[in-house]
PDB file of N, CA and C in Angstrom:
ATOM      1  N   MET A   1     -61.981 -10.918  81.907  1.00  0.00           N
ATOM      2  CA  MET A   1     -61.918 -11.495  80.368  1.00  0.00           C
ATOM      3  C   MET A   1     -61.528 -10.109  79.729  1.00  0.00           C
ATOM      4  N   SER A   2     -61.569  -8.691  80.323  1.00  0.00           N
ATOM      5  CA  SER A   2     -60.988  -7.567  79.561  1.00  0.00           C
ATOM      6  C   SER A   2     -59.673  -7.675  79.072  1.00  0.00           C
ATOM      7  N   GLY A   3     -58.729  -8.609  79.583  1.00  0.00           N
ATOM      8  CA  GLY A   3     -57.411  -8.973  79.272  1.00  0.00           C
ATOM      9  C   GLY A   3     -57.214 -10.146  78.083  1.00  0.00           C
ATOM     10  N   TRP A   4     -58.174 -10.648  77.715  1.00  0.00           N
ATOM     11  CA  TRP A   4     -58.305 -11.482  76.805  1.00  0.00           C
ATOM     12  C   TRP A   4     -58.136 -10.974  75.404  1.00  0.00           C
ATOM     13  N   THR A   5     -57.426 -11.842  74.878  1.00  0.00           N
ATOM     14  CA  THR A   5     -57.226 -11.407  73.176  1.00  0.00           C
ATOM     15  C   THR A   5     -58.064 -12.203  72.275  1.00  0.00           C
ATOM     16  N   GLU A   6     -57.924 -11.704  71.045  1.00  0.00           N
ATOM     17  CA  GLU A   6     -58.845 -12.319  70.088  1.00  0.00           C
ATOM     18  C   GLU A   6     -58.586 -13.992  69.825  1.00  0.00           C
ATOM     19  N   ALA A   7     -57.381 -13.988  70.145  1.00  0.00           N
ATOM     20  CA  ALA A   7     -56.725 -15.566  70.224  1.00  0.00           C
ATOM     21  C   ALA A   7     -57.265 -16.340  71.129  1.00  0.00           C
ATOM     22  N   ASP A   8     -57.612 -15.575  72.723  1.00  0.00           N
ATOM     23  CA  ASP A   8     -57.835 -16.312  73.615  1.00  0.00           C
ATOM     24  C   ASP A   8     -59.251 -16.852  73.676  1.00  0.00           C
ATOM     25  N   PHE A   9     -60.163 -15.786  72.835  1.00  0.00           N
ATOM     26  CA  PHE A   9     -61.632 -16.134  72.602  1.00  0.00           C
ATOM     27  C   PHE A   9     -61.648 -17.285  71.623  1.00  0.00           C
ATOM     28  N   ARG A  10     -60.764 -17.377  70.669  1.00  0.00           N
ATOM     29  CA  ARG A  10     -60.907 -18.459  69.729  1.00  0.00           C
ATOM     30  C   ARG A  10     -60.087 -19.995  70.105  1.00  0.00           C
ATOM     31  N   GLY A  11     -59.524 -19.718  71.294  1.00  0.00           N
ATOM     32  CA  GLY A  11     -58.723 -20.612  71.870  1.00  0.00           C
ATOM     33  C   GLY A  11     -59.747 -21.954  72.064  1.00  0.00           C
ATOM     34  N   GLU A  12     -59.490 -23.136  71.901  1.00  0.00           N
ATOM     35  CA  GLU A  12     -60.131 -24.502  71.916  1.00  0.00           C
ATOM     36  C   GLU A  12     -60.067 -24.883  73.591  1.00  0.00           C
ATOM     37  N   ILE A  13     -61.220 -25.177  73.894  1.00  0.00           N
ATOM     38  CA  ILE A  13     -61.153 -25.731  75.356  1.00  0.00           C
ATOM     39  C   ILE A  13     -62.011 -27.092  75.177  1.00  0.00           C
ATOM     40  N   ASP A  14     -62.122 -28.164  76.309  1.00  0.00           N
ATOM     41  CA  ASP A  14     -62.888 -29.235  76.011  1.00  0.00           C
ATOM     42  C   ASP A  14     -63.393 -29.233  77.603  1.00  0.00           C
ATOM     43  N   ILE A  15     -64.668 -28.893  77.489  1.00  0.00           N
ATOM     44  CA  ILE A  15     -65.799 -28.868  78.465  1.00  0.00           C
ATOM     45  C   ILE A  15     -66.908 -29.817  78.568  1.00  0.00           C
ATOM     46  N   PHE A  16     -67.457 -30.321  79.456  1.00  0.00           N
ATOM     47  CA  PHE A  16     -68.406 -31.262  79.316  1.00  0.00           C
ATOM     48  C   PHE A  16     -68.100 -32.374  78.057  1.00  0.00           C
ATOM     49  N   GLY A  17     -66.805 -32.680  77.744  1.00  0.00           N
ATOM     50  CA  GLY A  17     -66.785 -33.753  76.845  1.00  0.00           C
ATOM     51  C   GLY A  17     -66.981 -33.205  75.473  1.00  0.00           C
ATOM     52  N   THR A  18     -66.949 -31.886  75.336  1.00  0.00           N
ATOM     53  CA  THR A  18     -67.268 -31.209  73.743  1.00  0.00           C
ATOM     54  C   THR A  18     -66.198 -30.410  73.668  1.00  0.00           C
ATOM     55  N   LYS A  19     -65.637 -30.506  72.617  1.00  0.00           N
ATOM     56  CA  LYS A  19     -64.584 -29.353  71.934  1.00  0.00           C
ATOM     57  C   LYS A  19     -65.421 -28.046  71.595  1.00  0.00           C
ATOM     58  N   SER A  20     -65.157 -27.059  72.048  1.00  0.00           N
ATOM     59  CA  SER A  20     -65.679 -25.775  71.804  1.00  0.00           C
ATOM     60  C   SER A  20     -64.527 -24.711  71.759  1.00  0.00           C
ATOM     61  N   THR A  21     -64.588 -23.217  71.278  1.00  0.00           N
ATOM     62  CA  THR A  21     -64.005 -22.357  71.715  1.00  0.00           C
ATOM     63  C   THR A  21     -64.617 -21.500  72.860  1.00  0.00           C
ATOM     64  N   ARG A  22     -63.440 -20.773  73.555  1.00  0.00           N
ATOM     65  CA  ARG A  22     -63.808 -19.805  74.618  1.00  0.00           C
ATOM     66  C   ARG A  22     -64.870 -19.144  74.166  1.00  0.00           C
ATOM     67  N   GLY A  23     -65.079 -18.138  73.168  1.00  0.00           N
ATOM     68  CA  GLY A  23     -65.857 -17.305  72.864  1.00  0.00           C
ATOM     69  C   GLY A  23     -67.366 -18.200  72.502  1.00  0.00           C
ATOM     70  N   SER A  24     -67.392 -19.169  71.747  1.00  0.00           N
ATOM     71  CA  SER A  24     -68.580 -19.929  71.653  1.00  0.00           C
ATOM     72  C   SER A  24     -69.083 -20.489  73.034  1.00  0.00           C
ATOM     73  N   LEU A  25     -68.598 -21.105  73.964  1.00  0.00           N
ATOM     74  CA  LEU A  25     -68.842 -21.592  75.257  1.00  0.00           C
ATOM     75  C   LEU A  25     -69.537 -20.192  75.841  1.00  0.00           C
ATOM     76  N   LEU A  26     -68.766 -18.951  76.072  1.00  0.00           N
ATOM     77  CA  LEU A  26     -69.446 -17.803  76.717  1.00  0.00           C
ATOM     78  C   LEU A  26     -70.606 -17.589  76.046  1.00  0.00           C
ATOM     79  N   VAL A  27     -71.159 -17.618  75.061  1.00  0.00           N
ATOM     80  CA  VAL A  27     -72.076 -17.104  74.260  1.00  0.00           C
ATOM     81  C   VAL A  27     -73.423 -17.874  74.524  1.00  0.00           C
ATOM     82  N   ASN A  28     -73.103 -19.552  74.428  1.00  0.00           N
ATOM     83  CA  ASN A  28     -73.941 -20.478  74.585  1.00  0.00           C
ATOM     84  C   ASN A  28     -74.453 -20.741  76.064  1.00  0.00           C
ATOM     85  N   LEU A  29     -73.491 -20.257  76.840  1.00  0.00           N
ATOM     86  CA  LEU A  29     -73.909 -20.630  78.317  1.00  0.00           C
ATOM     87  C   LEU A  29     -74.416 -19.368  78.958  1.00  0.00           C
ATOM     88  N   VAL A  30     -73.642 -18.283  78.682  1.00  0.00           N
ATOM     89  CA  VAL A  30     -74.301 -17.148  79.438  1.00  0.00           C
ATOM     90  C   VAL A  30     -75.379 -16.501  78.690  1.00  0.00           C
ATOM     91  N   LEU A  31     -75.443 -15.961  77.366  1.00  0.00           N
ATOM     92  CA  LEU A  31     -76.130 -15.488  76.832  1.00  0.00           C
ATOM     93  C   LEU A  31     -77.457 -15.944  76.672  1.00  0.00           C
ATOM     94  N   SER A  32     -77.443 -17.254  76.166  1.00  0.00           N
ATOM     95  CA  SER A  32     -78.437 -18.176  76.005  1.00  0.00           C
ATOM     96  C   SER A  32     -79.386 -18.534  77.114  1.00  0.00           C
ATOM     97  N   GLY A  33     -78.476 -18.828  78.487  1.00  0.00           N
ATOM     98  CA  GLY A  33     -79.075 -19.085  79.581  1.00  0.00           C
ATOM     99  C   GLY A  33     -79.781 -17.673  79.901  1.00  0.00           C
ATOM    100  N   TYR A  34     -79.401 -16.624  79.427  1.00  0.00           N
ATOM    101  CA  TYR A  34     -80.165 -15.437  80.060  1.00  0.00           C
ATOM    102  C   TYR A  34     -81.257 -15.208  79.483  1.00  0.00           C
ATOM    103  N   ALA A  35     -81.430 -15.353  77.985  1.00  0.00           N
ATOM    104  CA  ALA A  35     -82.357 -15.207  77.038  1.00  0.00           C
ATOM    105  C   ALA A  35     -83.547 -16.382  77.590  1.00  0.00           C
ATOM    106  N   ALA A  36     -83.492 -17.320  78.257  1.00  0.00           N
ATOM    107  CA  ALA A  36     -84.103 -18.299  78.515  1.00  0.00           C
ATOM    108  C   ALA A  36     -84.661 -18.012  79.971  1.00  0.00           C
ATOM    109  N   TYR A  37     -84.019 -17.385  80.641  1.00  0.00           N
ATOM    110  CA  TYR A  37     -84.573 -16.896  81.927  1.00  0.00           C
ATOM    111  C   TYR A  37     -85.222 -15.771  81.794  1.00  0.00           C
ATOM    112  N   ARG A  38     -85.012 -14.787  80.953  1.00  0.00           N
ATOM    113  CA  ARG A  38     -85.840 -13.432  80.751  1.00  0.00           C
ATOM    114  C   ARG A  38     -87.108 -14.043  80.135  1.00  0.00           C
ATOM    115  N   THR A  39     -87.190 -14.999  79.085  1.00  0.00           N
ATOM    116  CA  THR A  39     -88.509 -15.471  78.720  1.00  0.00           C
ATOM    117  C   THR A  39     -89.139 -16.277  79.676  1.00  0.00           C
ATOM    118  N   GLN A  40     -88.722 -16.893  80.599  1.00  0.00           N
ATOM    119  CA  GLN A  40     -89.412 -17.449  81.805  1.00  0.00           C
ATOM    120  C   GLN A  40     -89.928 -16.383  82.698  1.00  0.00           C
ATOM    121  N   LEU A  41     -89.244 -15.495  83.076  1.00  0.00           N
ATOM    122  CA  LEU A  41     -89.807 -14.298  83.918  1.00  0.00           C
ATOM    123  C   LEU A  41     -91.175 -13.714  82.974  1.00  0.00           C
ATOM    124  N   PHE A  42     -90.893 -13.657  81.911  1.00  0.00           N
ATOM    125  CA  PHE A  42     -91.991 -12.921  81.087  1.00  0.00           C
ATOM    126  C   PHE A  42     -93.064 -13.580  81.209  1.00  0.00           C
ATOM    127  N   CYS A  43     -93.222 -15.056  80.608  1.00  0.00           N
ATOM    128  CA  CYS A  43     -94.321 -15.586  80.988  1.00  0.00           C
ATOM    129  C   CYS A  43     -94.786 -15.783  82.205  1.00  0.00           C
ATOM    130  N   TYR A  44     -94.082 -15.905  83.228  1.00  0.00           N
ATOM    131  CA  TYR A  44     -94.751 -16.080  84.614  1.00  0.00           C
ATOM    132  C   TYR A  44     -95.258 -14.350  85.022  1.00  0.00           C
ATOM    133  N   LEU A  45     -94.694 -13.278  84.567  1.00  0.00           N
ATOM    134  CA  LEU A  45     -95.390 -12.278  84.934  1.00  0.00           C
ATOM    135  C   LEU A  45     -96.753 -12.070  83.892  1.00  0.00           C
ATOM    136  N   LYS A  46     -96.768 -12.360  82.759  1.00  0.00           N
ATOM    137  CA  LYS A  46     -97.872 -12.297  82.153  1.00  0.00           C
ATOM    138  C   LYS A  46     -99.113 -13.383  82.491  1.00  0.00           C
ATOM    139  N   SER A  47     -98.775 -14.418  83.024  1.00  0.00           N
ATOM    140  CA  SER A  47     -99.616 -15.394  83.615  1.00  0.00           C
ATOM    141  C   SER A  47     -99.989 -14.868  85.043  1.00  0.00           C
ATOM    142  N   CYS A  48     -99.408 -14.016  85.756  1.00  0.00           N
ATOM    143  CA  CYS A  48     -99.930 -13.440  86.926  1.00  0.00           C
ATOM    144  C   CYS A  48    -100.706 -12.283  86.384  1.00  0.00           C
ATOM    145  N   GLY A  49    -100.935 -12.070  85.478  1.00  0.00           N
ATOM    146  CA  GLY A  49    -101.684 -10.706  85.086  1.00  0.00           C
ATOM    147  C   GLY A  49    -101.301  -9.540  84.570  1.00  0.00           C
ATOM    148  N   ARG A  50     -99.884  -9.538  84.380  1.00  0.00           N
ATOM    149  CA  ARG A  50     -99.279  -8.208  84.113  1.00  0.00           C
ATOM    150  C   ARG A  50     -99.712  -7.781  82.590  1.00  0.00           C
ATOM    151  N   GLU A  51    -100.963  -7.474  82.271  1.00  0.00           N
ATOM    152  CA  GLU A  51    -101.498  -7.301  81.007  1.00  0.00           C
ATOM    153  C   GLU A  51    -100.529  -5.922  80.201  1.00  0.00           C
ATOM    154  N   GLU A  52     -99.935  -5.167  81.080  1.00  0.00           N
ATOM    155  CA  GLU A  52     -99.428  -4.025  80.340  1.00  0.00           C
ATOM    156  C   GLU A  52     -98.053  -4.619  79.503  1.00  0.00           C
ATOM    157  N   LEU A  53     -97.763  -5.859  79.959  1.00  0.00           N
ATOM    158  CA  LEU A  53     -96.257  -6.364  79.019  1.00  0.00           C
ATOM    159  C   LEU A  53     -96.569  -6.672  77.795  1.00  0.00           C
ATOM    160  N   SER A  54     -95.791  -6.647  76.846  1.00  0.00           N
ATOM    161  CA  SER A  54     -95.937  -6.716  75.463  1.00  0.00           C
ATOM    162  C   SER A  54     -94.862  -7.581  74.959  1.00  0.00           C
ATOM    163  N   THR A  55     -94.891  -8.071  73.591  1.00  0.00           N
ATOM    164  CA  THR A  55     -93.775  -8.408  73.080  1.00  0.00           C
ATOM    165  C   THR A  55     -92.432  -7.791  72.999  1.00  0.00           C
ATOM    166  N   MET A  56     -92.708  -6.469  72.795  1.00  0.00           N
ATOM    167  CA  MET A  56     -91.507  -5.514  73.020  1.00  0.00           C
ATOM    168  C   MET A  56     -90.827  -5.435  74.181  1.00  0.00           C
ATOM    169  N   ASN A  57     -91.232  -5.596  75.305  1.00  0.00           N
ATOM    170  CA  ASN A  57     -90.777  -5.987  76.630  1.00  0.00           C
ATOM    171  C   ASN A  57     -89.927  -6.900  76.474  1.00  0.00           C
ATOM    172  N   LEU A  58     -90.191  -8.042  75.926  1.00  0.00           N
ATOM    173  CA  LEU A  58     -89.375  -9.312  76.021  1.00  0.00           C
ATOM    174  C   LEU A  58     -88.432  -9.317  75.024  1.00  0.00           C
ATOM    175  N   CYS A  59     -88.699  -8.675  73.557  1.00  0.00           N
ATOM    176  CA  CYS A  59     -87.833  -8.780  72.905  1.00  0.00           C
ATOM    177  C   CYS A  59     -86.850  -7.890  72.730  1.00  0.00           C
ATOM    178  N   ALA A  60     -87.435  -6.653  72.826  1.00  0.00           N
ATOM    179  CA  ALA A  60     -86.449  -5.501  72.618  1.00  0.00           C
ATOM    180  C   ALA A  60     -86.099  -4.580  73.942  1.00  0.00           C
ATOM    181  N   GLY A  61     -86.773  -5.054  75.055  1.00  0.00           N
ATOM    182  CA  GLY A  61     -86.562  -4.608  76.348  1.00  0.00           C
ATOM    183  C   GLY A  61     -86.761  -3.368  76.473  1.00  0.00           C
ATOM    184  N   VAL A  62     -88.021  -2.913  75.902  1.00  0.00           N
ATOM    185  CA  VAL A  62     -88.493  -1.355  75.993  1.00  0.00           C
ATOM    186  C   VAL A  62     -90.221  -1.542  75.902  1.00  0.00           C
ATOM    187  N   ASP A  63     -90.653  -0.602  76.338  1.00  0.00           N
ATOM    188  CA  ASP A  63     -92.176  -0.566  76.414  1.00  0.00           C
ATOM    189  C   ASP A  63     -92.602  -0.288  75.133  1.00  0.00           C
ATOM    190  N   GLY A  64     -93.479  -0.910  74.682  1.00  0.00           N
ATOM    191  CA  GLY A  64     -93.958  -0.705  73.367  1.00  0.00           C
ATOM    192  C   GLY A  64     -95.700  -0.334  73.378  1.00  0.00           C
ATOM    193  N   SER A  65     -96.204   0.243  72.168  1.00  0.00           N
ATOM    194  CA  SER A  65     -97.676   0.539  72.758  1.00  0.00           C
ATOM    195  C   SER A  65     -98.343  -0.657  72.421  1.00  0.00           C
ATOM    196  N   MET A  66     -99.573  -0.743  72.995  1.00  0.00           N
ATOM    197  CA  MET A  66    -100.701  -1.704  73.265  1.00  0.00           C
ATOM    198  C   MET A  66    -101.712  -1.363  72.219  1.00  0.00           C
ATOM    199  N   THR A  67    -101.634  -1.542  70.919  1.00  0.00           N
ATOM    200  CA  THR A  67    -102.455  -1.201  70.066  1.00  0.00           C
ATOM    201  C   THR A  67    -103.660  -2.552  69.740  1.00  0.00           C
ATOM    202  N   ALA A  68    -104.892  -2.282  69.524  1.00  0.00           N
ATOM    203  CA  ALA A  68    -105.551  -3.347  69.020  1.00  0.00           C
ATOM    204  C   ALA A  68    -105.366  -3.778  67.540  1.00  0.00           C
ATOM    205  N   ALA A  69    -105.124  -4.876  67.430  1.00  0.00           N
ATOM    206  CA  ALA A  69    -104.884  -5.516  65.839  1.00  0.00           C
ATOM    207  C   ALA A  69    -106.329  -5.535  65.088  1.00  0.00           C
TER     208      ALA A  69
END
């Protein structure tokens, strides 16, 4: 992908019976799938008792302070 130009990312392709641009397809398939996987892993770890994990770990990828509300 490092050799792709702006025009390449904007190029239209037909995949799975739907027309889309290459850039849009990359965002929807790769990044959206990663976010769903990350959320699933976070929920699994929380259900296993990992109480030190917070929303900051999921959303920002950093350790946040656990303060009582």
